[in-house]
Each structure stands twice: as C-alpha cells, then as structure tokens.
C-alpha atoms as a PDB file:
ATOM      1  CA  MET A   1      -3.290 -13.415  20.771  1.00  0.00           C
ATOM      2  CA  LEU A   2      -1.026 -11.737  18.806  1.00  0.00           C
ATOM      3  CA  THR A   3       2.017 -14.173  17.543  1.00  0.00           C
ATOM      4  CA  ASN A   4       5.706 -13.149  16.344  1.00  0.00           C
ATOM      5  CA  ASN A   5       5.951 -14.086  13.071  1.00  0.00           C
ATOM      6  CA  THR A   6       9.410 -12.708  11.900  1.00  0.00           C
ATOM      7  CA  LYS A   7      11.776 -12.578  14.544  1.00  0.00           C
ATOM      8  CA  THR A   8      14.787 -14.292  13.435  1.00  0.00           C
ATOM      9  CA  PRO A   9      18.559 -14.251  14.122  1.00  0.00           C
ATOM     10  CA  TYR A  10      19.341 -12.864  10.484  1.00  0.00           C
ATOM     11  CA  GLU A  11      20.326  -9.600   9.266  1.00  0.00           C
ATOM     12  CA  LYS A  12      18.505  -6.152  10.180  1.00  0.00           C
ATOM     13  CA  VAL A  13      15.942  -5.140   7.846  1.00  0.00           C
ATOM     14  CA  VAL A  14      15.884  -1.316   6.937  1.00  0.00           C
ATOM     15  CA  VAL A  15      13.743   1.055   4.902  1.00  0.00           C
ATOM     16  CA  SER A  16      15.708   2.641   2.152  1.00  0.00           C
ATOM     17  CA  GLY A  17      12.506   4.403   0.563  1.00  0.00           C
ATOM     18  CA  TYR A  18       8.836   5.190   1.074  1.00  0.00           C
ATOM     19  CA  ALA A  19       6.119   7.244  -0.894  1.00  0.00           C
ATOM     20  CA  VAL A  20       2.858   8.044  -0.465  1.00  0.00           C
ATOM     21  CA  VAL A  21       0.368   8.754  -3.422  1.00  0.00           C
ATOM     22  CA  PRO A  22      -2.820  10.137  -1.704  1.00  0.00           C
ATOM     23  CA  PRO A  23      -6.397  10.264  -3.258  1.00  0.00           C
ATOM     24  CA  ALA A  24      -6.886  13.709  -4.664  1.00  0.00           C
ATOM     25  CA  SER A  25      -9.511  14.340  -1.833  1.00  0.00           C
ATOM     26  CA  PHE A  26      -6.580  14.068   0.687  1.00  0.00           C
ATOM     27  CA  ILE A  27      -3.921  16.214  -0.571  1.00  0.00           C
ATOM     28  CA  ASN A  28      -5.405  19.550   0.675  1.00  0.00           C
ATOM     29  CA  GLU A  29      -6.599  18.392   4.230  1.00  0.00           C
ATOM     30  CA  LYS A  30      -5.065  19.753   7.090  1.00  0.00           C
ATOM     31  CA  GLU A  31      -4.684  17.042   9.642  1.00  0.00           C
ATOM     32  CA  GLY A  32      -2.568  14.073   9.103  1.00  0.00           C
ATOM     33  CA  LEU A  33       0.723  13.395   7.465  1.00  0.00           C
ATOM     34  CA  THR A  34      -0.491  12.667   3.936  1.00  0.00           C
ATOM     35  CA  PRO A  35      -0.118  16.492   2.397  1.00  0.00           C
ATOM     36  CA  GLY A  36       3.488  16.467   3.971  1.00  0.00           C
ATOM     37  CA  PHE A  37       4.535  13.808   1.128  1.00  0.00           C
ATOM     38  CA  GLY A  38       3.683  12.086  -2.066  1.00  0.00           C
ATOM     39  CA  SER A  39       3.400  13.242  -5.196  1.00  0.00           C
ATOM     40  CA  SER A  40       0.955  13.903  -8.135  1.00  0.00           C
ATOM     41  CA  VAL A  41      -0.216  10.718 -10.210  1.00  0.00           C
ATOM     42  CA  GLN A  42       2.029  10.236 -13.102  1.00  0.00           C
ATOM     43  CA  PRO A  43       0.409   9.095 -16.491  1.00  0.00           C
ATOM     44  CA  LEU A  44       0.930   5.520 -17.577  1.00  0.00           C
ATOM     45  CA  SER A  45       2.069   4.332 -21.360  1.00  0.00           C
ATOM     46  CA  ARG A  46      -1.128   3.594 -23.015  1.00  0.00           C
ATOM     47  CA  ARG A  47       0.251  -0.084 -23.600  1.00  0.00           C
ATOM     48  CA  LEU A  48       0.407  -0.781 -19.619  1.00  0.00           C
ATOM     49  CA  LYS A  49      -2.998   1.197 -19.035  1.00  0.00           C
ATOM     50  CA  ARG A  50      -5.196  -0.819 -21.183  1.00  0.00           C
ATOM     51  CA  PHE A  51      -4.871  -3.746 -18.576  1.00  0.00           C
ATOM     52  CA  ILE A  52      -3.992  -2.124 -15.275  1.00  0.00           C
ATOM     53  CA  CYS A  53      -6.451  -1.725 -12.291  1.00  0.00           C
ATOM     54  CA  ARG A  54      -8.054   1.410 -11.134  1.00  0.00           C
ATOM     55  CA  SER A  55      -5.387   2.279  -8.588  1.00  0.00           C
ATOM     56  CA  GLY A  56      -2.679   1.181 -10.774  1.00  0.00           C
ATOM     57  CA  GLU A  57      -1.470   4.800 -11.809  1.00  0.00           C
ATOM     58  CA  HIS A  58      -1.041   5.447  -8.087  1.00  0.00           C
ATOM     59  CA  ALA A  59       0.945   2.440  -7.287  1.00  0.00           C
ATOM     60  CA  VAL A  60       3.138   2.908 -10.335  1.00  0.00           C
ATOM     61  CA  THR A  61       3.751   6.595  -9.166  1.00  0.00           C
ATOM     62  CA  ALA A  62       4.480   5.679  -5.564  1.00  0.00           C
ATOM     63  CA  SER A  63       6.877   2.688  -6.367  1.00  0.00           C
ATOM     64  CA  GLN A  64       8.853   5.082  -8.692  1.00  0.00           C
ATOM     65  CA  LEU A  65       9.205   7.660  -5.819  1.00  0.00           C
ATOM     66  CA  ALA A  66      10.267   4.740  -3.344  1.00  0.00           C
ATOM     67  CA  PHE A  67      12.800   3.391  -5.997  1.00  0.00           C
ATOM     68  CA  SER A  68      14.174   7.138  -6.648  1.00  0.00           C
ATOM     69  CA  MET A  69      14.569   7.933  -2.654  1.00  0.00           C
ATOM     70  CA  ALA A  70      16.355   4.388  -2.314  1.00  0.00           C
ATOM     71  CA  ASN A  71      18.594   4.932  -5.637  1.00  0.00           C
ATOM     72  CA  ILE A  72      17.742   1.868  -6.904  1.00  0.00           C
ATOM     73  CA  LYS A  73      16.918   0.301 -10.598  1.00  0.00           C
ATOM     74  CA  PRO A  74      14.825  -2.373 -10.008  1.00  0.00           C
ATOM     75  CA  GLU A  75      15.497  -3.596 -13.650  1.00  0.00           C
ATOM     76  CA  ASP A  76      19.322  -3.959 -12.519  1.00  0.00           C
ATOM     77  CA  MET A  77      18.558  -6.387  -9.906  1.00  0.00           C
ATOM     78  CA  GLY A  78      17.622  -8.860 -11.806  1.00  0.00           C
ATOM     79  CA  GLU A  79      16.145 -12.027  -9.268  1.00  0.00           C
ATOM     80  CA  ARG A  80      17.325 -10.316  -6.218  1.00  0.00           C
ATOM     81  CA  CYS A  81      14.476  -7.571  -5.984  1.00  0.00           C
ATOM     82  CA  GLY A  82      11.192  -9.320  -5.003  1.00  0.00           C
ATOM     83  CA  LEU A  83       7.638  -7.531  -5.233  1.00  0.00           C
ATOM     84  CA  TYR A  84       4.867  -8.127  -2.463  1.00  0.00           C
ATOM     85  CA  THR A  85       1.604  -6.418  -3.341  1.00  0.00           C
ATOM     86  CA  ASN A  86      -1.763  -5.833  -1.843  1.00  0.00           C
ATOM     87  CA  GLN A  87      -4.832  -4.832  -3.597  1.00  0.00           C
ATOM     88  CA  ALA A  88      -7.560  -3.769  -1.071  1.00  0.00           C
ATOM     89  CA  GLY A  89     -10.788  -5.143  -0.816  1.00  0.00           C
ATOM     90  CA  GLN A  90     -13.325  -6.383  -3.417  1.00  0.00           C
ATOM     91  CA  GLN A  91     -11.857  -7.031  -7.096  1.00  0.00           C
ATOM     92  CA  HIS A  92     -13.804  -5.600 -10.173  1.00  0.00           C
ATOM     93  CA  SER A  93     -13.400  -4.021 -13.460  1.00  0.00           C
ATOM     94  CA  ASP A  94     -13.527  -0.423 -13.493  1.00  0.00           C
ATOM     95  CA  ILE A  95     -17.267   0.808 -14.341  1.00  0.00           C
ATOM     96  CA  ASP A  96     -15.690   3.374 -16.915  1.00  0.00           C
ATOM     97  CA  ASP A  97     -14.698   0.652 -19.309  1.00  0.00           C
ATOM     98  CA  TYR A  98     -18.081  -0.432 -19.874  1.00  0.00           C
ATOM     99  CA  HIS A  99     -19.431   2.884 -20.703  1.00  0.00           C
ATOM    100  CA  PRO A 100     -18.695   2.551 -24.536  1.00  0.00           C
ATOM    101  CA  GLY A 101     -20.632  -0.425 -24.906  1.00  0.00           C
ATOM    102  CA  PHE A 102     -23.706   0.870 -22.880  1.00  0.00           C
ATOM    103  CA  ALA A 103     -23.706   3.845 -24.984  1.00  0.00           C
ATOM    104  CA  ASN A 104     -23.760   1.798 -28.354  1.00  0.00           C
ATOM    105  CA  SER A 105     -26.200  -0.587 -27.073  1.00  0.00           C
ATOM    106  CA  SER A 106     -29.967  -1.304 -27.717  1.00  0.00           C
ATOM    107  CA  THR A 107     -32.446  -0.733 -25.134  1.00  0.00           C
ATOM    108  CA  THR A 108     -33.091  -4.258 -24.144  1.00  0.00           C
ATOM    109  CA  SER A 109     -30.844  -6.080 -21.437  1.00  0.00           C
ATOM    110  CA  GLU A 110     -30.236  -8.843 -23.570  1.00  0.00           C
ATOM    111  CA  SER A 111     -28.944  -6.919 -26.572  1.00  0.00           C
ATOM    112  CA  ALA A 112     -26.971  -4.421 -23.872  1.00  0.00           C
ATOM    113  CA  LEU A 113     -24.982  -7.405 -22.546  1.00  0.00           C
ATOM    114  CA  ALA A 114     -24.553  -9.080 -26.045  1.00  0.00           C
ATOM    115  CA  ASP A 115     -23.098  -5.641 -27.225  1.00  0.00           C
ATOM    116  CA  LEU A 116     -20.842  -5.340 -24.172  1.00  0.00           C
ATOM    117  CA  TRP A 117     -18.896  -8.603 -24.637  1.00  0.00           C
ATOM    118  CA  SER A 118     -18.698  -8.556 -28.652  1.00  0.00           C
ATOM    119  CA  GLY A 119     -18.414  -4.878 -29.212  1.00  0.00           C
ATOM    120  CA  LYS A 120     -15.129  -3.175 -30.095  1.00  0.00           C
ATOM    121  CA  GLU A 121     -15.811  -0.404 -27.917  1.00  0.00           C
ATOM    122  CA  VAL A 122     -15.305  -2.424 -24.649  1.00  0.00           C
ATOM    123  CA  ASN A 123     -11.877  -2.700 -23.161  1.00  0.00           C
ATOM    124  CA  PRO A 124     -10.563  -6.230 -24.256  1.00  0.00           C
ATOM    125  CA  PHE A 125      -8.875  -6.519 -20.965  1.00  0.00           C
ATOM    126  CA  LEU A 126     -11.854  -6.447 -18.559  1.00  0.00           C
ATOM    127  CA  ALA A 127     -11.342  -9.721 -16.845  1.00  0.00           C
ATOM    128  CA  ILE A 128      -7.739  -8.995 -16.289  1.00  0.00           C
ATOM    129  CA  LYS A 129      -7.975  -5.783 -14.703  1.00  0.00           C
ATOM    130  CA  GLY A 130     -10.549  -7.667 -12.129  1.00  0.00           C
ATOM    131  CA  LEU A 131      -8.056 -10.185 -10.849  1.00  0.00           C
ATOM    132  CA  SER A 132      -6.357 -10.348  -7.570  1.00  0.00           C
ATOM    133  CA  ASN A 133      -3.093 -10.211  -8.990  1.00  0.00           C
ATOM    134  CA  ASN A 134      -3.245  -7.698 -11.413  1.00  0.00           C
ATOM    135  CA  LEU A 135      -1.286  -4.975  -9.362  1.00  0.00           C
ATOM    136  CA  LEU A 136       1.749  -7.618  -8.874  1.00  0.00           C
ATOM    137  CA  GLY A 137       1.473  -8.475 -13.021  1.00  0.00           C
ATOM    138  CA  ALA A 138       1.617  -4.723 -14.027  1.00  0.00           C
ATOM    139  CA  ILE A 139       4.388  -3.488 -11.626  1.00  0.00           C
ATOM    140  CA  SER A 140       6.366  -6.483 -12.516  1.00  0.00           C
ATOM    141  CA  VAL A 141       6.169  -5.914 -16.134  1.00  0.00           C
ATOM    142  CA  HIS A 142       6.457  -1.897 -15.616  1.00  0.00           C
ATOM    143  CA  TRP A 143       9.847  -2.633 -13.713  1.00  0.00           C
ATOM    144  CA  SER A 144      11.032  -5.625 -15.277  1.00  0.00           C
ATOM    145  CA  ILE A 145      11.022  -7.264 -11.869  1.00  0.00           C
ATOM    146  CA  ARG A 146      12.000 -11.461 -11.997  1.00  0.00           C
ATOM    147  CA  GLY A 147      12.464 -11.779  -8.464  1.00  0.00           C
ATOM    148  CA  ASP A 148      10.261 -13.606  -5.701  1.00  0.00           C
ATOM    149  CA  CYS A 149       6.760 -12.248  -5.994  1.00  0.00           C
ATOM    150  CA  SER A 150       3.383 -12.547  -3.880  1.00  0.00           C
ATOM    151  CA  ALA A 151       0.176 -11.044  -4.234  1.00  0.00           C
ATOM    152  CA  PHE A 152      -2.247 -10.552  -1.420  1.00  0.00           C
ATOM    153  CA  VAL A 153      -5.930  -9.290  -0.917  1.00  0.00           C
ATOM    154  CA  ARG A 154      -7.810  -7.358   1.672  1.00  0.00           C
ATOM    155  CA  ASP A 155      -6.773  -4.170   2.414  1.00  0.00           C
ATOM    156  CA  HIS A 156      -5.234  -4.249   6.080  1.00  0.00           C
ATOM    157  CA  ALA A 157      -4.311  -7.846   6.909  1.00  0.00           C
ATOM    158  CA  GLY A 158      -3.331  -8.489   3.061  1.00  0.00           C
ATOM    159  CA  ALA A 159      -0.767  -5.437   3.664  1.00  0.00           C
ATOM    160  CA  ALA A 160       0.449  -6.819   6.776  1.00  0.00           C
ATOM    161  CA  MET A 161       1.030 -10.238   4.998  1.00  0.00           C
ATOM    162  CA  ALA A 162       2.594  -8.438   2.124  1.00  0.00           C
ATOM    163  CA  LEU A 163       5.218  -6.867   4.493  1.00  0.00           C
ATOM    164  CA  ASN A 164       5.689  -9.714   6.561  1.00  0.00           C
ATOM    165  CA  GLU A 165       6.670 -11.876   3.476  1.00  0.00           C
ATOM    166  CA  ALA A 166       9.174  -9.503   2.290  1.00  0.00           C
ATOM    167  CA  MET A 167      11.022  -9.351   5.693  1.00  0.00           C
ATOM    168  CA  PHE A 168      10.911 -13.040   5.857  1.00  0.00           C
ATOM    169  CA  ASN A 169      12.523 -13.398   1.947  1.00  0.00           C
ATOM    170  CA  LEU A 170      14.981 -10.156   2.836  1.00  0.00           C
ATOM    171  CA  ARG A 171      16.106 -11.816   6.358  1.00  0.00           C
ATOM    172  CA  HIS A 172      16.762 -15.355   4.975  1.00  0.00           C
ATOM    173  CA  GLY A 173      18.587 -14.023   1.838  1.00  0.00           C
ATOM    174  CA  TYR A 174      16.469 -14.993  -1.071  1.00  0.00           C
ATOM    175  CA  ILE A 175      16.389 -11.352  -2.230  1.00  0.00           C
ATOM    176  CA  ASP A 176      18.479  -8.092  -1.661  1.00  0.00           C
ATOM    177  CA  VAL A 177      15.543  -5.594  -2.398  1.00  0.00           C
ATOM    178  CA  ALA A 178      11.946  -6.048  -1.512  1.00  0.00           C
ATOM    179  CA  LEU A 179       9.537  -3.484  -3.037  1.00  0.00           C
ATOM    180  CA  VAL A 180       6.188  -3.592  -0.732  1.00  0.00           C
ATOM    181  CA  LEU A 181       2.978  -1.823  -2.386  1.00  0.00           C
ATOM    182  CA  THR A 182      -0.431  -1.525  -1.527  1.00  0.00           C
ATOM    183  CA  ALA A 183      -3.179   0.201  -3.216  1.00  0.00           C
ATOM    184  CA  GLY A 184      -6.824   0.186  -4.072  1.00  0.00           C
ATOM    185  CA  THR A 185      -9.984   0.441  -2.229  1.00  0.00           C
ATOM    186  CA  GLU A 186     -12.400  -2.081  -0.514  1.00  0.00           C
ATOM    187  CA  VAL A 187     -15.565  -0.176  -1.423  1.00  0.00           C
ATOM    188  CA  ASP A 188     -16.884  -0.467  -5.057  1.00  0.00           C
ATOM    189  CA  PHE A 189     -17.942   1.991  -7.381  1.00  0.00           C
ATOM    190  CA  PHE A 190     -21.742   0.954  -6.813  1.00  0.00           C
ATOM    191  CA  GLU A 191     -21.310   0.971  -3.134  1.00  0.00           C
ATOM    192  CA  ILE A 192     -20.118   4.493  -3.293  1.00  0.00           C
ATOM    193  CA  GLN A 193     -22.716   5.723  -5.353  1.00  0.00           C
ATOM    194  CA  HIS A 194     -25.212   4.488  -3.139  1.00  0.00           C
ATOM    195  CA  GLN A 195     -23.899   5.603   0.387  1.00  0.00           C
ATOM    196  CA  GLN A 196     -22.123   8.876  -0.719  1.00  0.00           C
ATOM    197  CA  ARG A 197     -23.584   9.745  -3.565  1.00  0.00           C
ATOM    198  CA  GLY A 198     -20.719  10.336  -5.770  1.00  0.00           C
ATOM    199  CA  SER A 199     -17.830  10.995  -3.365  1.00  0.00           C
ATOM    200  CA  GLU A 200     -14.634  10.769  -4.747  1.00  0.00           C
ATOM    201  CA  ARG A 201     -13.045   9.845  -1.395  1.00  0.00           C
ATOM    202  CA  ASP A 202     -12.741   6.191  -2.084  1.00  0.00           C
ATOM    203  CA  ILE A 203     -13.203   6.029  -5.779  1.00  0.00           C
ATOM    204  CA  ASN A 204      -9.747   8.136  -6.257  1.00  0.00           C
ATOM    205  CA  CYS A 205      -7.574   5.321  -5.028  1.00  0.00           C
ATOM    206  CA  GLY A 206      -4.068   5.944  -3.284  1.00  0.00           C
ATOM    207  CA  ALA A 207      -1.065   3.757  -3.180  1.00  0.00           C
ATOM    208  CA  VAL A 208       1.743   3.347  -0.548  1.00  0.00           C
ATOM    209  CA  ALA A 209       5.222   1.777  -1.503  1.00  0.00           C
ATOM    210  CA  LEU A 210       7.922   0.554   0.947  1.00  0.00           C
ATOM    211  CA  ILE A 211      11.532  -0.257  -0.333  1.00  0.00           C
ATOM    212  CA  LEU A 212      13.046  -2.581   2.380  1.00  0.00           C
ATOM    213  CA  GLN A 213      16.838  -3.950   2.186  1.00  0.00           C
ATOM    214  CA  ARG A 214      19.308  -5.806   4.416  1.00  0.00           C
ATOM    215  CA  GLU A 215      21.412  -3.305   6.276  1.00  0.00           C
ATOM    216  CA  ASN A 216      24.548  -4.943   4.824  1.00  0.00           C
ATOM    217  CA  THR A 217      23.540  -4.343   1.337  1.00  0.00           C
ATOM    218  CA  CYS A 218      21.901  -1.029   1.532  1.00  0.00           C
ATOM    219  CA  ALA A 219      23.724   1.454  -0.843  1.00  0.00           C
ATOM    220  CA  THR A 220      22.231   4.639   0.688  1.00  0.00           C
ATOM    221  CA  PRO A 221      21.795   5.416   4.381  1.00  0.00           C
ATOM    222  CA  PRO A 222      19.071   3.602   5.882  1.00  0.00           C
ATOM    223  CA  ILE A 223      15.711   5.539   6.697  1.00  0.00           C
ATOM    224  CA  ALA A 224      14.655   3.486   9.425  1.00  0.00           C
ATOM    225  CA  GLU A 225      15.261  -0.034  10.902  1.00  0.00           C
ATOM    226  CA  ILE A 226      12.479  -2.471  11.297  1.00  0.00           C
ATOM    227  CA  PHE A 227      12.998  -4.634  14.711  1.00  0.00           C
ATOM    228  CA  ASP A 228       9.554  -6.789  14.768  1.00  0.00           C
ATOM    229  CA  MET A 229       6.448  -7.298  13.498  1.00  0.00           C
ATOM    230  CA  LYS A 230       3.445  -9.037  15.045  1.00  0.00           C
ATOM    231  CA  SER A 231       0.057  -9.889  13.849  1.00  0.00           C
ATOM    232  CA  GLY A 232      -3.233 -11.651  14.464  1.00  0.00           C
ATOM    233  CA  TYR A 233      -6.387 -11.316  15.857  1.00  0.00           C
ATOM    234  CA  ARG A 234      -7.674  -9.790  19.194  1.00  0.00           C
ATOM    235  CA  GLU A 235     -10.693 -10.346  21.291  1.00  0.00           C
ATOM    236  CA  ASN A 236     -12.807  -7.634  21.533  1.00  0.00           C
ATOM    237  CA  ASN A 237     -11.285  -5.777  18.668  1.00  0.00           C
ATOM    238  CA  LYS A 238      -9.024  -3.662  21.334  1.00  0.00           C
ATOM    239  CA  CYS A 239      -5.128  -2.691  21.394  1.00  0.00           C
ATOM    240  CA  GLU A 240      -3.023  -1.636  23.924  1.00  0.00           C
ATOM    241  CA  LYS A 241      -2.770   2.099  24.476  1.00  0.00           C
ATOM    242  CA  PRO A 242       0.942   3.962  24.374  1.00  0.00           C
ATOM    243  CA  SER A 243       2.050   4.464  27.852  1.00  0.00           C
ATOM    244  CA  GLU A 244       2.876   7.918  28.960  1.00  0.00           C
ATOM    245  CA  GLU A 245       6.421   7.326  29.523  1.00  0.00           C
ATOM    246  CA  THR A 246       6.618   5.967  25.540  1.00  0.00           C
ATOM    247  CA  ILE A 247       4.930   9.320  24.664  1.00  0.00           C
ATOM    248  CA  LYS A 248       7.131  11.467  26.763  1.00  0.00           C
ATOM    249  CA  LYS A 249      10.123   9.928  25.242  1.00  0.00           C
ATOM    250  CA  HIS A 250       9.630  12.116  21.966  1.00  0.00           C
ATOM    251  CA  LYS A 251       9.245  15.938  21.294  1.00  0.00           C
ATOM    252  CA  PRO A 252       5.932  17.432  21.789  1.00  0.00           C
ATOM    253  CA  SER A 253       4.801  18.028  18.491  1.00  0.00           C
ATOM    254  CA  PHE A 254       5.404  14.153  17.842  1.00  0.00           C
ATOM    255  CA  ALA A 255       3.809  12.829  20.643  1.00  0.00           C
ATOM    256  CA  GLU A 256       0.837  14.323  19.585  1.00  0.00           C
ATOM    257  CA  ILE A 257       0.965  12.396  16.199  1.00  0.00           C
ATOM    258  CA  VAL A 258       1.743   9.069  18.263  1.00  0.00           C
ATOM    259  CA  LYS A 259      -1.206   9.495  20.230  1.00  0.00           C
ATOM    260  CA  LYS A 260      -3.484  10.060  17.066  1.00  0.00           C
ATOM    261  CA  GLN A 261      -1.949   7.627  14.621  1.00  0.00           C
ATOM    262  CA  TYR A 262      -1.209   4.603  16.987  1.00  0.00           C
ATOM    263  CA  TYR A 263      -4.301   3.026  15.813  1.00  0.00           C
ATOM    264  CA  TYR A 264      -5.624   2.450  12.276  1.00  0.00           C
ATOM    265  CA  ASN A 265      -8.012   5.568  11.818  1.00  0.00           C
ATOM    266  CA  TYR A 266     -11.344   4.697   9.954  1.00  0.00           C
ATOM    267  CA  ASN A 267     -11.333   7.748   8.689  1.00  0.00           C
ATOM    268  CA  GLU A 268      -8.173   7.360   6.466  1.00  0.00           C
ATOM    269  CA  PRO A 269      -8.099   5.406   3.469  1.00  0.00           C
ATOM    270  CA  ARG A 270      -8.479   2.314   3.789  1.00  0.00           C
ATOM    271  CA  TRP A 271      -6.225   1.095   1.243  1.00  0.00           C
ATOM    272  CA  GLY A 272      -2.920   1.544   3.472  1.00  0.00           C
ATOM    273  CA  GLY A 273      -3.287  -0.483   6.618  1.00  0.00           C
ATOM    274  CA  ILE A 274      -0.124  -1.115   8.727  1.00  0.00           C
ATOM    275  CA  ILE A 275       1.931   0.269   5.743  1.00  0.00           C
ATOM    276  CA  TYR A 276       0.348   3.392   5.822  1.00  0.00           C
ATOM    277  CA  SER A 277       0.679   4.109   9.389  1.00  0.00           C
ATOM    278  CA  LEU A 278       4.303   3.068   9.381  1.00  0.00           C
ATOM    279  CA  SER A 279       5.074   5.451   6.647  1.00  0.00           C
ATOM    280  CA  GLN A 280       3.330   8.473   8.353  1.00  0.00           C
ATOM    281  CA  ILE A 281       5.491   7.680  11.549  1.00  0.00           C
ATOM    282  CA  ILE A 282       8.797   7.696   9.921  1.00  0.00           C
ATOM    283  CA  HIS A 283       8.098  10.471   7.733  1.00  0.00           C
ATOM    284  CA  LEU A 284       7.240  12.903  10.689  1.00  0.00           C
ATOM    285  CA  ALA A 285      10.046  11.326  12.778  1.00  0.00           C
ATOM    286  CA  LYS A 286      12.260  12.120   9.997  1.00  0.00           C
ATOM    287  CA  GLN A 287      11.327  15.678   9.542  1.00  0.00           C
ATOM    288  CA  GLN A 288      11.592  16.303  13.154  1.00  0.00           C
ATOM    289  CA  GLN A 289      14.987  14.330  13.458  1.00  0.00           C
ATOM    290  CA  ASN A 290      13.323  11.900  16.146  1.00  0.00           C
ATOM    291  CA  THR A 291      15.553   8.678  16.685  1.00  0.00           C
ATOM    292  CA  SER A 292      13.439   6.757  19.386  1.00  0.00           C
ATOM    293  CA  THR A 293      12.016   3.457  19.025  1.00  0.00           C
ATOM    294  CA  ILE A 294       8.352   3.369  18.661  1.00  0.00           C
ATOM    295  CA  ASP A 295       5.802   0.664  18.153  1.00  0.00           C
ATOM    296  CA  VAL A 296       3.433   1.420  15.221  1.00  0.00           C
ATOM    297  CA  HIS A 297       0.005  -0.120  15.438  1.00  0.00           C
ATOM    298  CA  SER A 298      -2.948  -0.533  12.826  1.00  0.00           C
ATOM    299  CA  TYR A 299      -6.019  -2.442  13.125  1.00  0.00           C
ATOM    300  CA  ASP A 300      -9.226  -2.923  11.213  1.00  0.00           C
ATOM    301  CA  LYS A 301     -12.789  -3.420  12.162  1.00  0.00           C
ATOM    302  CA  SER A 302     -12.852  -7.071  12.141  1.00  0.00           C
ATOM    303  CA  GLY A 303     -10.036  -7.161  14.700  1.00  0.00           C
ATOM    304  CA  PHE A 304      -6.928  -8.064  12.614  1.00  0.00           C
ATOM    305  CA  ASP A 305      -4.089  -5.998  14.415  1.00  0.00           C
ATOM    306  CA  ALA A 306      -0.397  -5.404  13.181  1.00  0.00           C
ATOM    307  CA  LYS A 307       1.958  -3.840  15.251  1.00  0.00           C
ATOM    308  CA  ILE A 308       5.470  -3.183  14.047  1.00  0.00           C
ATOM    309  CA  THR A 309       8.808  -1.765  15.810  1.00  0.00           C
ATOM    310  CA  VAL A 310      10.621   0.691  14.096  1.00  0.00           C
ATOM    311  CA  SER A 311      13.086   3.312  14.931  1.00  0.00           C
ATOM    312  CA  VAL A 312      14.083   5.967  12.580  1.00  0.00           C
ATOM    313  CA  CYS A 313      17.899   6.357  12.010  1.00  0.00           C
END
C-alpha cells in the first residue's frame, strides 16, 4: 500500500534545472528521450579523479548542467544548498585500479595480493572509492556544498528516498536549493563480464541531476512544479495503468510517451529510477509546450513503486 510521505502545507517545490548524462551506448539509440538532452562527460581534475567512483564523471557533468540551467552557483549558497545522492546497487572499487598491481605482481596468489596492497602502482584510494557515500563526498567537495546532505544506496528505492528527503527539507525551510543526484549501476564488473561478455551498457554508468527550489526562492522561471510524491511496496508487483482520459489530455505524440514511460522500463539504465522517469517526462512536455498535470510512475522488480505528480510550467 502506498503512503503519502511529503504532503505538507508548506511552499510549493519546483524544478529549476535538470540534466541526464547517459551511458555512451544510449546516446545513439532512437527510442526514448535520452538522446534529446544531456551532454558528453566532462573530464575531472586529477585531484578529484583519484578517489571518485566510476560514475563520478557522469555525476559531476550532470550536476554542472543542472546548476547552469537553474542559474545557480552552489559555492555561493553556503549552508542553504543541500545535496541528496543515490549510488545504485553494489559498491565496489573499479577493476581498472587493480590492473597496475596485477601486471607487476608474481604468479602466486599470495604474492599477488601482497603486491596489490603494498605496491605503489595501486590506487591508494581503493577503499574510499568503494564506500556508499563516495558520490556524496566527491560532489560536495567539487561544489563546496556545506548544507544538509544525505547519501542513499539501492538504485530505484534510493533515488526515491533522495528525492523525498530533498522535498522535505525544502518545504520545511531548512535549505533553499537541493541537488538530487543519482548515478551508478547495480551490476558489478564481474557480473557484466560473465553475463554479457563485455557489453558496455551497464559498465558505462550514467547520471541524472535535478535542482529543486521553493517557488518563492526561485530566481529563474520554474520548469515544473512537484505536487506530491508517494512511495512504497505493492503486492503482486503491479501498478495502475493511466486511464484513457488521462492520456487524451495530452498531445498525440506526448500521449505515446506517457504510455511507454509511465512504468519503469527494465531496458532503461538501472541507475535512474523515478528521477530518470521524471526528467524524461519534463523534458518532452517542455519541448512540446505541454502544461498538463501528470502522474509519473516508476517501479522495480522487487515491487517498490514511486509515483510523483508533476505539472510542467
């Protein structure tokens, strides 16, 4: 049964910026909205790249694009800018960081392990890169964010909780700006190699960023208003389908997207969850100048369902 987690009498929460940086394998695909927005990954400084996780470059790029759209400089916000991150799935160090150590080690397993942990070739930040709050730490350092922060893990559910936490702190006035960021993959390197034999679909992680503000503190025209969010577990892993009346309210091409994107598509990147679905709907509605209110559903295989009501301004 779904529960209402964010219904409060406080200020309206609006989206003032968003960005999706997809994996390279998604950029040229014709279906879906991913090719219509986002950007190529921006290179990180050597200082930051030493200890950031695999999806860090995508996350930094997505946050930069979202802040630019919202015309916000987070370093100027002081403690009034909050950060809410989600790292999808299993946490582990990058296999790339082990290669120099293996290349210079002897043939026995005992010597190889000793060389890995004591050799100068191995990245000294291996443990840090595998932490579940790695993304939160790296992004906060990169943007000098000193406000309220929370880190979540577990792909779809974590993304929903990060969004929910950001909306709560905004509505209660603890912060004025919230960066909600999700990135990563729930599939580790060895599972990908075993199941897909080198596919880059999940190795090349993506990232989604949302900038949320209260309506009365938004310096730029808001892109969309978020009315309500519900989340929880459903029995039988089923969601209600949108009614034909709901679909008919939208323009024909947008209606088709509503049908396709109303559910979380298992073929889409598993790092996005509800934030990815929400960004897709906002982007297409903005392109087609659609102002209708719509419920965006997203759920995973375990039955966790998140629904958010949004109106594109």
